[in-house]
PDB file of N, CA and C in Angstrom:
ATOM      1  N   MET A   1     -12.597 -10.333   2.715  1.00  0.00           N
ATOM      2  CA  MET A   1     -12.410  -9.138   1.745  1.00  0.00           C
ATOM      3  C   MET A   1     -12.050  -7.971   2.778  1.00  0.00           C
ATOM      4  N   ASN A   2     -11.011  -7.242   2.853  1.00  0.00           N
ATOM      5  CA  ASN A   2     -10.740  -6.000   3.341  1.00  0.00           C
ATOM      6  C   ASN A   2     -10.929  -5.136   2.591  1.00  0.00           C
ATOM      7  N   LYS A   3     -12.092  -4.085   3.484  1.00  0.00           N
ATOM      8  CA  LYS A   3     -12.430  -3.200   2.510  1.00  0.00           C
ATOM      9  C   LYS A   3     -11.648  -1.851   2.633  1.00  0.00           C
ATOM     10  N   HIS A   4     -10.734  -1.479   3.568  1.00  0.00           N
ATOM     11  CA  HIS A   4      -9.721  -0.536   4.051  1.00  0.00           C
ATOM     12  C   HIS A   4      -8.596  -0.820   3.489  1.00  0.00           C
ATOM     13  N   ILE A   5      -8.255   0.179   1.722  1.00  0.00           N
ATOM     14  CA  ILE A   5      -7.572  -0.288   1.250  1.00  0.00           C
ATOM     15  C   ILE A   5      -6.423   1.014   0.875  1.00  0.00           C
ATOM     16  N   THR A   6      -5.174   0.641   0.932  1.00  0.00           N
ATOM     17  CA  THR A   6      -4.394   1.974   0.800  1.00  0.00           C
ATOM     18  C   THR A   6      -4.186   1.937  -0.608  1.00  0.00           C
ATOM     19  N   THR A   7      -3.864   2.997  -1.374  1.00  0.00           N
ATOM     20  CA  THR A   7      -3.812   3.479  -2.685  1.00  0.00           C
ATOM     21  C   THR A   7      -2.945   4.292  -2.381  1.00  0.00           C
ATOM     22  N   VAL A   8      -2.098   4.295  -3.928  1.00  0.00           N
ATOM     23  CA  VAL A   8      -0.924   5.220  -4.056  1.00  0.00           C
ATOM     24  C   VAL A   8      -1.141   5.683  -5.441  1.00  0.00           C
ATOM     25  N   ASP A   9      -0.574   6.587  -5.774  1.00  0.00           N
ATOM     26  CA  ASP A   9      -0.430   7.057  -7.479  1.00  0.00           C
ATOM     27  C   ASP A   9       0.436   6.425  -7.854  1.00  0.00           C
ATOM     28  N   ILE A  10       0.202   6.002  -9.161  1.00  0.00           N
ATOM     29  CA  ILE A  10       1.267   5.524 -10.112  1.00  0.00           C
ATOM     30  C   ILE A  10       2.377   6.040 -10.052  1.00  0.00           C
ATOM     31  N   ASN A  11       2.722   7.560  -9.825  1.00  0.00           N
ATOM     32  CA  ASN A  11       3.629   8.256 -10.088  1.00  0.00           C
ATOM     33  C   ASN A  11       4.519   8.772  -8.883  1.00  0.00           C
ATOM     34  N   ASP A  12       3.795   8.348  -7.678  1.00  0.00           N
ATOM     35  CA  ASP A  12       4.365   8.906  -6.334  1.00  0.00           C
ATOM     36  C   ASP A  12       5.780   7.853  -6.278  1.00  0.00           C
ATOM     37  N   THR A  13       6.572   8.883  -5.500  1.00  0.00           N
ATOM     38  CA  THR A  13       7.947   8.155  -5.234  1.00  0.00           C
ATOM     39  C   THR A  13       7.975   6.903  -4.145  1.00  0.00           C
ATOM     40  N   ILE A  14       8.834   6.403  -4.138  1.00  0.00           N
ATOM     41  CA  ILE A  14       9.103   4.790  -3.414  1.00  0.00           C
ATOM     42  C   ILE A  14       9.183   5.406  -1.773  1.00  0.00           C
ATOM     43  N   ASP A  15       9.342   6.543  -1.308  1.00  0.00           N
ATOM     44  CA  ASP A  15       9.930   7.279  -0.198  1.00  0.00           C
ATOM     45  C   ASP A  15       8.317   7.516  -0.024  1.00  0.00           C
ATOM     46  N   LYS A  16       7.487   8.087  -1.076  1.00  0.00           N
ATOM     47  CA  LYS A  16       6.006   8.615  -0.310  1.00  0.00           C
ATOM     48  C   LYS A  16       5.523   7.291  -0.140  1.00  0.00           C
ATOM     49  N   VAL A  17       5.378   6.550  -1.077  1.00  0.00           N
ATOM     50  CA  VAL A  17       4.361   4.930  -1.047  1.00  0.00           C
ATOM     51  C   VAL A  17       4.750   4.449   0.424  1.00  0.00           C
ATOM     52  N   GLU A  18       6.096   4.503   0.951  1.00  0.00           N
ATOM     53  CA  GLU A  18       6.678   4.113   2.099  1.00  0.00           C
ATOM     54  C   GLU A  18       5.660   4.722   3.396  1.00  0.00           C
ATOM     55  N   LYS A  19       5.667   6.084   2.950  1.00  0.00           N
ATOM     56  CA  LYS A  19       5.116   7.066   4.380  1.00  0.00           C
ATOM     57  C   LYS A  19       3.678   6.744   4.283  1.00  0.00           C
ATOM     58  N   ILE A  20       2.780   6.435   3.167  1.00  0.00           N
ATOM     59  CA  ILE A  20       1.679   6.263   3.033  1.00  0.00           C
ATOM     60  C   ILE A  20       1.322   4.738   3.733  1.00  0.00           C
ATOM     61  N   MET A  21       2.065   3.901   3.125  1.00  0.00           N
ATOM     62  CA  MET A  21       1.908   2.640   4.021  1.00  0.00           C
ATOM     63  C   MET A  21       2.143   2.513   5.515  1.00  0.00           C
ATOM     64  N   ASP A  22       3.127   3.448   5.786  1.00  0.00           N
ATOM     65  CA  ASP A  22       3.463   3.442   7.223  1.00  0.00           C
ATOM     66  C   ASP A  22       2.282   4.011   7.813  1.00  0.00           C
ATOM     67  N   SER A  23       1.786   5.312   7.310  1.00  0.00           N
ATOM     68  CA  SER A  23       0.644   5.991   8.354  1.00  0.00           C
ATOM     69  C   SER A  23      -0.722   5.260   8.089  1.00  0.00           C
ATOM     70  N   HIS A  24      -0.552   3.983   7.183  1.00  0.00           N
ATOM     71  CA  HIS A  24      -1.770   3.518   7.343  1.00  0.00           C
ATOM     72  C   HIS A  24      -1.583   1.796   8.087  1.00  0.00           C
ATOM     73  N   LYS A  25      -0.682   1.794   8.394  1.00  0.00           N
ATOM     74  CA  LYS A  25      -0.006   0.867   9.002  1.00  0.00           C
ATOM     75  C   LYS A  25      -0.568  -0.734   7.789  1.00  0.00           C
ATOM     76  N   SER A  26       0.077  -0.314   6.681  1.00  0.00           N
ATOM     77  CA  SER A  26      -0.525  -1.373   5.596  1.00  0.00           C
ATOM     78  C   SER A  26       0.860  -2.181   5.317  1.00  0.00           C
ATOM     79  N   THR A  27       0.377  -3.340   4.724  1.00  0.00           N
ATOM     80  CA  THR A  27       1.424  -4.342   4.279  1.00  0.00           C
ATOM     81  C   THR A  27       1.530  -4.392   2.856  1.00  0.00           C
ATOM     82  N   CYS A  28       0.438  -3.459   2.097  1.00  0.00           N
ATOM     83  CA  CYS A  28       0.531  -3.580   0.782  1.00  0.00           C
ATOM     84  C   CYS A  28      -0.266  -2.296   0.304  1.00  0.00           C
ATOM     85  N   ALA A  29      -0.040  -1.638  -0.831  1.00  0.00           N
ATOM     86  CA  ALA A  29      -1.092  -0.746  -1.861  1.00  0.00           C
ATOM     87  C   ALA A  29      -1.144  -0.790  -2.659  1.00  0.00           C
ATOM     88  N   LEU A  30      -2.343  -0.678  -2.925  1.00  0.00           N
ATOM     89  CA  LEU A  30      -2.828  -0.882  -4.609  1.00  0.00           C
ATOM     90  C   LEU A  30      -2.064   0.141  -5.455  1.00  0.00           C
ATOM     91  N   VAL A  31      -1.562   0.194  -6.522  1.00  0.00           N
ATOM     92  CA  VAL A  31      -0.830   1.456  -7.305  1.00  0.00           C
ATOM     93  C   VAL A  31      -2.105   1.507  -8.383  1.00  0.00           C
ATOM     94  N   ILE A  32      -2.734   3.092  -8.512  1.00  0.00           N
ATOM     95  CA  ILE A  32      -3.913   3.333  -9.008  1.00  0.00           C
ATOM     96  C   ILE A  32      -3.401   4.491 -10.199  1.00  0.00           C
ATOM     97  N   GLY A  33      -4.030   3.926 -11.502  1.00  0.00           N
ATOM     98  CA  GLY A  33      -3.401   4.864 -12.260  1.00  0.00           C
ATOM     99  C   GLY A  33      -4.204   6.154 -12.716  1.00  0.00           C
ATOM    100  N   SER A  34      -3.847   6.791 -13.778  1.00  0.00           N
ATOM    101  CA  SER A  34      -4.627   8.124 -14.076  1.00  0.00           C
ATOM    102  C   SER A  34      -6.170   7.751 -14.215  1.00  0.00           C
ATOM    103  N   ASP A  35      -6.742   6.812 -14.458  1.00  0.00           N
ATOM    104  CA  ASP A  35      -8.026   6.016 -14.898  1.00  0.00           C
ATOM    105  C   ASP A  35      -8.836   5.808 -13.398  1.00  0.00           C
ATOM    106  N   GLN A  36      -8.482   5.578 -12.180  1.00  0.00           N
ATOM    107  CA  GLN A  36      -8.348   5.100 -11.303  1.00  0.00           C
ATOM    108  C   GLN A  36      -8.606   3.467 -11.467  1.00  0.00           C
ATOM    109  N   SER A  37      -8.076   2.962 -12.233  1.00  0.00           N
ATOM    110  CA  SER A  37      -8.096   1.612 -11.939  1.00  0.00           C
ATOM    111  C   SER A  37      -6.642   0.968 -11.371  1.00  0.00           C
ATOM    112  N   CYS A  38      -6.830  -0.343 -10.922  1.00  0.00           N
ATOM    113  CA  CYS A  38      -5.647  -0.896 -10.412  1.00  0.00           C
ATOM    114  C   CYS A  38      -4.522  -0.992 -11.196  1.00  0.00           C
ATOM    115  N   PHE A  39      -3.503  -0.434 -11.366  1.00  0.00           N
ATOM    116  CA  PHE A  39      -2.193  -0.714 -12.133  1.00  0.00           C
ATOM    117  C   PHE A  39      -1.648  -1.728 -11.611  1.00  0.00           C
ATOM    118  N   GLY A  40      -1.232  -2.055 -10.104  1.00  0.00           N
ATOM    119  CA  GLY A  40      -0.238  -2.601  -9.926  1.00  0.00           C
ATOM    120  C   GLY A  40      -0.435  -2.971  -8.057  1.00  0.00           C
ATOM    121  N   VAL A  41       0.092  -3.594  -7.448  1.00  0.00           N
ATOM    122  CA  VAL A  41       0.224  -3.971  -5.767  1.00  0.00           C
ATOM    123  C   VAL A  41       1.613  -3.830  -5.654  1.00  0.00           C
ATOM    124  N   ILE A  42       2.142  -3.074  -4.416  1.00  0.00           N
ATOM    125  CA  ILE A  42       3.522  -3.068  -3.747  1.00  0.00           C
ATOM    126  C   ILE A  42       3.353  -3.629  -2.219  1.00  0.00           C
ATOM    127  N   SER A  43       4.059  -4.143  -1.972  1.00  0.00           N
ATOM    128  CA  SER A  43       3.826  -4.779  -0.708  1.00  0.00           C
ATOM    129  C   SER A  43       5.211  -4.689   0.074  1.00  0.00           C
ATOM    130  N   TYR A  44       5.262  -4.665   1.477  1.00  0.00           N
ATOM    131  CA  TYR A  44       6.307  -4.670   2.051  1.00  0.00           C
ATOM    132  C   TYR A  44       7.774  -5.294   1.714  1.00  0.00           C
ATOM    133  N   PRO A  45       7.532  -6.952   1.175  1.00  0.00           N
ATOM    134  CA  PRO A  45       8.902  -7.368   0.824  1.00  0.00           C
ATOM    135  C   PRO A  45       9.029  -6.619  -0.545  1.00  0.00           C
ATOM    136  N   ASP A  46       8.140  -6.188  -1.618  1.00  0.00           N
ATOM    137  CA  ASP A  46       8.559  -5.555  -2.491  1.00  0.00           C
ATOM    138  C   ASP A  46      10.068  -4.265  -2.133  1.00  0.00           C
ATOM    139  N   ILE A  47       9.215  -3.512  -1.144  1.00  0.00           N
ATOM    140  CA  ILE A  47       9.991  -2.404  -0.638  1.00  0.00           C
ATOM    141  C   ILE A  47      11.420  -2.792   0.021  1.00  0.00           C
ATOM    142  N   VAL A  48      11.372  -3.921   0.606  1.00  0.00           N
ATOM    143  CA  VAL A  48      12.611  -4.715   1.335  1.00  0.00           C
ATOM    144  C   VAL A  48      13.461  -4.678  -0.108  1.00  0.00           C
ATOM    145  N   HIS A  49      13.091  -5.347  -0.910  1.00  0.00           N
ATOM    146  CA  HIS A  49      14.023  -6.147  -1.949  1.00  0.00           C
ATOM    147  C   HIS A  49      14.547  -4.827  -2.661  1.00  0.00           C
ATOM    148  N   PHE A  50      13.552  -3.696  -2.898  1.00  0.00           N
ATOM    149  CA  PHE A  50      14.050  -2.318  -3.655  1.00  0.00           C
ATOM    150  C   PHE A  50      15.044  -1.850  -2.876  1.00  0.00           C
ATOM    151  N   HIS A  51      15.314  -1.867  -1.434  1.00  0.00           N
ATOM    152  CA  HIS A  51      16.117  -1.342  -0.805  1.00  0.00           C
ATOM    153  C   HIS A  51      17.638  -2.177  -0.670  1.00  0.00           C
ATOM    154  N   GLU A  52      17.323  -3.208  -0.835  1.00  0.00           N
ATOM    155  CA  GLU A  52      18.523  -4.369  -0.814  1.00  0.00           C
ATOM    156  C   GLU A  52      19.237  -4.296  -2.023  1.00  0.00           C
ATOM    157  N   ARG A  53      18.820  -3.382  -3.093  1.00  0.00           N
ATOM    158  CA  ARG A  53      19.159  -2.943  -4.557  1.00  0.00           C
ATOM    159  C   ARG A  53      20.044  -1.878  -4.323  1.00  0.00           C
ATOM    160  N   GLY A  54      19.278  -1.189  -3.390  1.00  0.00           N
ATOM    161  CA  GLY A  54      20.457   0.169  -3.074  1.00  0.00           C
ATOM    162  C   GLY A  54      19.829   1.294  -4.046  1.00  0.00           C
ATOM    163  N   LYS A  55      18.577   1.294  -4.491  1.00  0.00           N
ATOM    164  CA  LYS A  55      17.908   2.193  -5.438  1.00  0.00           C
ATOM    165  C   LYS A  55      17.627   3.463  -4.721  1.00  0.00           C
ATOM    166  N   ASN A  56      17.289   4.377  -5.253  1.00  0.00           N
ATOM    167  CA  ASN A  56      16.974   5.682  -4.764  1.00  0.00           C
ATOM    168  C   ASN A  56      15.663   5.746  -4.138  1.00  0.00           C
ATOM    169  N   PRO A  57      14.963   5.838  -3.095  1.00  0.00           N
ATOM    170  CA  PRO A  57      13.237   5.823  -3.017  1.00  0.00           C
ATOM    171  C   PRO A  57      12.790   7.370  -3.403  1.00  0.00           C
ATOM    172  N   LYS A  58      13.640   8.357  -3.437  1.00  0.00           N
ATOM    173  CA  LYS A  58      13.207   9.670  -3.618  1.00  0.00           C
ATOM    174  C   LYS A  58      13.013   9.894  -5.364  1.00  0.00           C
ATOM    175  N   THR A  59      13.736   8.875  -5.997  1.00  0.00           N
ATOM    176  CA  THR A  59      13.449   9.012  -7.621  1.00  0.00           C
ATOM    177  C   THR A  59      12.486   7.968  -8.418  1.00  0.00           C
ATOM    178  N   GLU A  60      12.844   7.010  -7.528  1.00  0.00           N
ATOM    179  CA  GLU A  60      11.910   5.800  -8.421  1.00  0.00           C
ATOM    180  C   GLU A  60      10.419   6.106  -7.777  1.00  0.00           C
ATOM    181  N   ARG A  61       9.600   5.468  -9.013  1.00  0.00           N
ATOM    182  CA  ARG A  61       8.234   5.552  -8.797  1.00  0.00           C
ATOM    183  C   ARG A  61       7.764   4.521  -8.431  1.00  0.00           C
ATOM    184  N   ALA A  62       6.600   4.574  -7.850  1.00  0.00           N
ATOM    185  CA  ALA A  62       5.656   3.128  -7.794  1.00  0.00           C
ATOM    186  C   ALA A  62       5.391   2.194  -9.034  1.00  0.00           C
ATOM    187  N   TRP A  63       5.230   2.880 -10.043  1.00  0.00           N
ATOM    188  CA  TRP A  63       4.473   1.826 -11.569  1.00  0.00           C
ATOM    189  C   TRP A  63       5.839   1.446 -11.354  1.00  0.00           C
ATOM    190  N   GLU A  64       7.175   1.212 -10.858  1.00  0.00           N
ATOM    191  CA  GLU A  64       8.738   0.859 -11.467  1.00  0.00           C
ATOM    192  C   GLU A  64       8.561  -0.319 -10.343  1.00  0.00           C
ATOM    193  N   LEU A  65       7.983  -0.327  -9.443  1.00  0.00           N
ATOM    194  CA  LEU A  65       8.218  -1.222  -8.451  1.00  0.00           C
ATOM    195  C   LEU A  65       7.422  -2.491  -8.090  1.00  0.00           C
ATOM    196  N   CYS A  66       5.806  -2.119  -8.641  1.00  0.00           N
ATOM    197  CA  CYS A  66       4.697  -2.893  -8.538  1.00  0.00           C
ATOM    198  C   CYS A  66       4.791  -3.733  -9.277  1.00  0.00           C
ATOM    199  N   THR A  67       4.062  -5.159  -8.760  1.00  0.00           N
ATOM    200  CA  THR A  67       3.402  -6.284  -9.322  1.00  0.00           C
ATOM    201  C   THR A  67       2.501  -5.855 -10.551  1.00  0.00           C
ATOM    202  N   HIS A  68       3.075  -5.833 -11.795  1.00  0.00           N
ATOM    203  CA  HIS A  68       1.728  -5.365 -12.800  1.00  0.00           C
ATOM    204  C   HIS A  68       0.942  -6.203 -12.982  1.00  0.00           C
ATOM    205  N   LYS A  69       0.832  -7.511 -12.726  1.00  0.00           N
ATOM    206  CA  LYS A  69      -0.227  -8.435 -13.027  1.00  0.00           C
ATOM    207  C   LYS A  69      -1.153  -8.764 -12.080  1.00  0.00           C
ATOM    208  N   VAL A  70      -2.085  -7.609 -11.952  1.00  0.00           N
ATOM    209  CA  VAL A  70      -2.741  -7.726 -10.742  1.00  0.00           C
ATOM    210  C   VAL A  70      -3.921  -8.645 -11.260  1.00  0.00           C
ATOM    211  N   ILE A  71      -4.397  -9.473 -10.596  1.00  0.00           N
ATOM    212  CA  ILE A  71      -5.773 -10.149 -10.993  1.00  0.00           C
ATOM    213  C   ILE A  71      -6.597  -9.942  -9.754  1.00  0.00           C
ATOM    214  N   GLU A  72      -7.586  -9.652 -10.587  1.00  0.00           N
ATOM    215  CA  GLU A  72      -9.108  -9.194 -10.032  1.00  0.00           C
ATOM    216  C   GLU A  72     -10.109 -10.047  -9.803  1.00  0.00           C
ATOM    217  N   VAL A  73     -11.030 -10.331  -9.289  1.00  0.00           N
ATOM    218  CA  VAL A  73     -12.072 -10.933  -9.205  1.00  0.00           C
ATOM    219  C   VAL A  73     -13.271 -10.321  -8.592  1.00  0.00           C
ATOM    220  N   SER A  74     -14.523 -10.512  -9.018  1.00  0.00           N
ATOM    221  CA  SER A  74     -15.394  -9.678  -8.271  1.00  0.00           C
ATOM    222  C   SER A  74     -16.119 -10.208  -6.813  1.00  0.00           C
ATOM    223  N   PRO A  75     -16.920  -9.065  -6.218  1.00  0.00           N
ATOM    224  CA  PRO A  75     -17.433  -9.615  -4.776  1.00  0.00           C
ATOM    225  C   PRO A  75     -17.911 -11.116  -4.572  1.00  0.00           C
ATOM    226  N   ASP A  76     -18.696 -11.242  -5.700  1.00  0.00           N
ATOM    227  CA  ASP A  76     -19.381 -12.478  -5.554  1.00  0.00           C
ATOM    228  C   ASP A  76     -18.597 -14.059  -5.888  1.00  0.00           C
ATOM    229  N   THR A  77     -17.155 -13.748  -5.970  1.00  0.00           N
ATOM    230  CA  THR A  77     -16.579 -15.050  -6.385  1.00  0.00           C
ATOM    231  C   THR A  77     -16.128 -15.752  -4.961  1.00  0.00           C
ATOM    232  N   SER A  78     -16.587 -16.835  -4.831  1.00  0.00           N
ATOM    233  CA  SER A  78     -16.032 -17.480  -3.586  1.00  0.00           C
ATOM    234  C   SER A  78     -14.828 -17.682  -3.339  1.00  0.00           C
ATOM    235  N   ALA A  79     -14.643 -17.650  -1.983  1.00  0.00           N
ATOM    236  CA  ALA A  79     -13.207 -17.887  -1.111  1.00  0.00           C
ATOM    237  C   ALA A  79     -12.450 -18.731  -1.682  1.00  0.00           C
ATOM    238  N   ARG A  80     -12.976 -19.993  -2.162  1.00  0.00           N
ATOM    239  CA  ARG A  80     -12.304 -21.165  -2.890  1.00  0.00           C
ATOM    240  C   ARG A  80     -11.657 -20.780  -4.122  1.00  0.00           C
ATOM    241  N   GLU A  81     -12.460 -20.473  -4.787  1.00  0.00           N
ATOM    242  CA  GLU A  81     -11.817 -19.752  -6.236  1.00  0.00           C
ATOM    243  C   GLU A  81     -10.661 -18.648  -6.260  1.00  0.00           C
ATOM    244  N   THR A  82     -11.170 -18.222  -4.854  1.00  0.00           N
ATOM    245  CA  THR A  82     -10.037 -16.797  -4.967  1.00  0.00           C
ATOM    246  C   THR A  82      -8.852 -17.232  -4.615  1.00  0.00           C
ATOM    247  N   ALA A  83      -8.910 -18.337  -3.537  1.00  0.00           N
ATOM    248  CA  ALA A  83      -7.657 -18.925  -3.091  1.00  0.00           C
ATOM    249  C   ALA A  83      -6.850 -19.653  -4.195  1.00  0.00           C
ATOM    250  N   LYS A  84      -8.057 -20.600  -5.002  1.00  0.00           N
ATOM    251  CA  LYS A  84      -7.090 -21.381  -5.848  1.00  0.00           C
ATOM    252  C   LYS A  84      -6.556 -20.301  -7.418  1.00  0.00           C
ATOM    253  N   LEU A  85      -7.369 -19.126  -7.463  1.00  0.00           N
ATOM    254  CA  LEU A  85      -6.446 -18.082  -8.001  1.00  0.00           C
ATOM    255  C   LEU A  85      -4.863 -17.891  -7.753  1.00  0.00           C
ATOM    256  N   MET A  86      -4.917 -17.528  -6.354  1.00  0.00           N
ATOM    257  CA  MET A  86      -3.945 -16.885  -5.250  1.00  0.00           C
ATOM    258  C   MET A  86      -2.436 -17.995  -5.507  1.00  0.00           C
ATOM    259  N   ILE A  87      -2.856 -19.525  -5.493  1.00  0.00           N
ATOM    260  CA  ILE A  87      -2.051 -20.502  -5.599  1.00  0.00           C
ATOM    261  C   ILE A  87      -1.394 -20.842  -7.090  1.00  0.00           C
ATOM    262  N   LYS A  88      -2.450 -20.422  -7.959  1.00  0.00           N
ATOM    263  CA  LYS A  88      -2.411 -20.716  -9.244  1.00  0.00           C
ATOM    264  C   LYS A  88      -1.448 -19.695  -9.953  1.00  0.00           C
ATOM    265  N   HIS A  89      -1.059 -18.579  -9.420  1.00  0.00           N
ATOM    266  CA  HIS A  89      -0.698 -17.400  -9.829  1.00  0.00           C
ATOM    267  C   HIS A  89       0.657 -17.275  -8.780  1.00  0.00           C
ATOM    268  N   LYS A  90       0.693 -17.993  -7.936  1.00  0.00           N
ATOM    269  CA  LYS A  90       1.815 -17.542  -7.053  1.00  0.00           C
ATOM    270  C   LYS A  90       1.739 -16.165  -6.339  1.00  0.00           C
ATOM    271  N   ILE A  91       0.577 -15.517  -6.009  1.00  0.00           N
ATOM    272  CA  ILE A  91       0.397 -14.406  -5.346  1.00  0.00           C
ATOM    273  C   ILE A  91      -0.193 -14.178  -4.100  1.00  0.00           C
ATOM    274  N   ASN A  92      -0.017 -13.057  -3.507  1.00  0.00           N
ATOM    275  CA  ASN A  92      -0.586 -12.731  -2.062  1.00  0.00           C
ATOM    276  C   ASN A  92      -1.629 -12.126  -1.968  1.00  0.00           C
ATOM    277  N   HIS A  93      -1.698 -11.138  -2.889  1.00  0.00           N
ATOM    278  CA  HIS A  93      -3.168 -10.520  -3.162  1.00  0.00           C
ATOM    279  C   HIS A  93      -4.159 -10.457  -4.368  1.00  0.00           C
ATOM    280  N   ILE A  94      -5.410 -10.416  -4.068  1.00  0.00           N
ATOM    281  CA  ILE A  94      -6.253 -10.284  -5.225  1.00  0.00           C
ATOM    282  C   ILE A  94      -7.521  -9.112  -5.101  1.00  0.00           C
ATOM    283  N   VAL A  95      -7.445  -8.182  -5.710  1.00  0.00           N
ATOM    284  CA  VAL A  95      -7.805  -7.284  -5.826  1.00  0.00           C
ATOM    285  C   VAL A  95      -9.616  -7.456  -6.165  1.00  0.00           C
ATOM    286  N   ILE A  96     -10.438  -6.900  -5.531  1.00  0.00           N
ATOM    287  CA  ILE A  96     -12.166  -7.362  -5.380  1.00  0.00           C
ATOM    288  C   ILE A  96     -12.382  -6.081  -6.659  1.00  0.00           C
ATOM    289  N   THR A  97     -13.173  -6.127  -7.389  1.00  0.00           N
ATOM    290  CA  THR A  97     -13.765  -5.361  -8.013  1.00  0.00           C
ATOM    291  C   THR A  97     -14.871  -5.245  -8.804  1.00  0.00           C
ATOM    292  N   GLU A  98     -15.847  -4.426  -8.903  1.00  0.00           N
ATOM    293  CA  GLU A  98     -17.367  -4.470  -9.376  1.00  0.00           C
ATOM    294  C   GLU A  98     -17.137  -3.474 -10.579  1.00  0.00           C
ATOM    295  N   ASN A  99     -17.519  -3.515 -11.576  1.00  0.00           N
ATOM    296  CA  ASN A  99     -17.693  -2.544 -12.464  1.00  0.00           C
ATOM    297  C   ASN A  99     -16.356  -1.664 -12.985  1.00  0.00           C
ATOM    298  N   LYS A 100     -15.400  -2.398 -12.504  1.00  0.00           N
ATOM    299  CA  LYS A 100     -13.949  -1.639 -12.776  1.00  0.00           C
ATOM    300  C   LYS A 100     -13.920  -0.634 -11.589  1.00  0.00           C
ATOM    301  N   ILE A 101     -14.555  -0.729 -10.310  1.00  0.00           N
ATOM    302  CA  ILE A 101     -14.474   0.055  -9.197  1.00  0.00           C
ATOM    303  C   ILE A 101     -13.669  -1.063  -8.147  1.00  0.00           C
ATOM    304  N   ILE A 102     -12.800  -0.477  -7.378  1.00  0.00           N
ATOM    305  CA  ILE A 102     -12.094  -1.477  -6.512  1.00  0.00           C
ATOM    306  C   ILE A 102     -13.053  -1.053  -5.118  1.00  0.00           C
ATOM    307  N   LYS A 103     -13.125  -2.435  -4.973  1.00  0.00           N
ATOM    308  CA  LYS A 103     -14.092  -2.568  -3.640  1.00  0.00           C
ATOM    309  C   LYS A 103     -13.452  -3.178  -2.385  1.00  0.00           C
ATOM    310  N   GLY A 104     -12.420  -3.879  -2.650  1.00  0.00           N
ATOM    311  CA  GLY A 104     -11.559  -4.365  -1.661  1.00  0.00           C
ATOM    312  C   GLY A 104     -10.480  -5.200  -2.343  1.00  0.00           C
ATOM    313  N   ILE A 105      -9.661  -5.911  -1.090  1.00  0.00           N
ATOM    314  CA  ILE A 105      -8.285  -6.724  -1.437  1.00  0.00           C
ATOM    315  C   ILE A 105      -8.499  -7.789  -0.495  1.00  0.00           C
ATOM    316  N   VAL A 106      -7.987  -8.911  -0.794  1.00  0.00           N
ATOM    317  CA  VAL A 106      -7.962 -10.300  -0.243  1.00  0.00           C
ATOM    318  C   VAL A 106      -6.277 -10.611  -0.167  1.00  0.00           C
ATOM    319  N   SER A 107      -6.052 -11.150   0.919  1.00  0.00           N
ATOM    320  CA  SER A 107      -4.384 -10.950   1.401  1.00  0.00           C
ATOM    321  C   SER A 107      -4.423 -12.972   1.616  1.00  0.00           C
ATOM    322  N   SER A 108      -3.167 -13.470   1.487  1.00  0.00           N
ATOM    323  CA  SER A 108      -3.164 -14.690   1.640  1.00  0.00           C
ATOM    324  C   SER A 108      -3.310 -14.847   3.588  1.00  0.00           C
ATOM    325  N   ILE A 109      -2.815 -13.786   4.063  1.00  0.00           N
ATOM    326  CA  ILE A 109      -3.259 -13.476   5.244  1.00  0.00           C
ATOM    327  C   ILE A 109      -4.353 -13.393   5.765  1.00  0.00           C
ATOM    328  N   ASP A 110      -5.508 -12.941   5.233  1.00  0.00           N
ATOM    329  CA  ASP A 110      -6.583 -13.506   5.229  1.00  0.00           C
ATOM    330  C   ASP A 110      -7.260 -14.639   5.240  1.00  0.00           C
ATOM    331  N   PHE A 111      -7.016 -15.225   4.582  1.00  0.00           N
ATOM    332  CA  PHE A 111      -7.118 -16.861   4.901  1.00  0.00           C
ATOM    333  C   PHE A 111      -6.521 -17.429   5.642  1.00  0.00           C
ATOM    334  N   VAL A 112      -5.504 -17.088   6.225  1.00  0.00           N
ATOM    335  CA  VAL A 112      -5.001 -17.667   7.629  1.00  0.00           C
ATOM    336  C   VAL A 112      -5.628 -17.621   8.925  1.00  0.00           C
ATOM    337  N   GLY A 113      -6.271 -16.029   8.658  1.00  0.00           N
ATOM    338  CA  GLY A 113      -7.310 -15.726   9.850  1.00  0.00           C
ATOM    339  C   GLY A 113      -8.551 -16.476  10.100  1.00  0.00           C
ATOM    340  N   GLU A 114      -9.033 -16.600   8.728  1.00  0.00           N
ATOM    341  CA  GLU A 114     -10.639 -17.401   8.482  1.00  0.00           C
ATOM    342  C   GLU A 114     -10.311 -18.722   8.998  1.00  0.00           C
ATOM    343  N   TYR A 115      -9.180 -19.575   8.386  1.00  0.00           N
ATOM    344  CA  TYR A 115      -8.739 -20.678   8.950  1.00  0.00           C
ATOM    345  C   TYR A 115      -8.742 -20.606  10.482  1.00  0.00           C
ATOM    346  N   LEU A 116      -7.512 -19.596  11.225  1.00  0.00           N
ATOM    347  CA  LEU A 116      -7.752 -20.004  12.870  1.00  0.00           C
ATOM    348  C   LEU A 116      -8.872 -19.478  13.281  1.00  0.00           C
ATOM    349  N   LYS A 117      -9.831 -18.864  13.036  1.00  0.00           N
ATOM    350  CA  LYS A 117     -11.051 -18.397  13.330  1.00  0.00           C
ATOM    351  C   LYS A 117     -12.151 -19.777  13.272  1.00  0.00           C
ATOM    352  N   GLN A 118     -12.153 -20.325  12.430  1.00  0.00           N
ATOM    353  CA  GLN A 118     -12.642 -21.681  12.130  1.00  0.00           C
ATOM    354  C   GLN A 118     -12.143 -23.257  13.042  1.00  0.00           C
ATOM    355  N   ASN A 119     -10.814 -22.954  13.254  1.00  0.00           N
ATOM    356  CA  ASN A 119     -10.218 -24.415  13.199  1.00  0.00           C
ATOM    357  C   ASN A 119      -9.075 -23.874  14.865  1.00  0.00           C
ATOM    358  N   VAL A 120      -9.810 -23.020  15.664  1.00  0.00           N
ATOM    359  CA  VAL A 120      -9.388 -22.906  16.967  1.00  0.00           C
ATOM    360  C   VAL A 120     -10.256 -23.037  18.202  1.00  0.00           C
TER     361      VAL A 120
END
């Protein structure tokens, strides 16, 4: 689990989202709603596709671009179960929450890194 989480507001423009992600050197950002819950996830591939469609990053909002079906698990969910959920839902990020508070995020790259640590 990565505890360094980049977050953006649900109403931030895509232009602002890109600047925040760049400044944090993040490959994704959690889109946070007014109640501080995770509304969605935006990744760099989402932004690339956004630009391919020729949309305006100064007018489009984070909530319009993000993946809305966020899968959340608790900190005690096993790595195996987390990986199974990622494969089942064909997603690259799972949000770790405890009592509705965001604790971290797990990405498919995290699993690749762990695999390499154990098998190199």
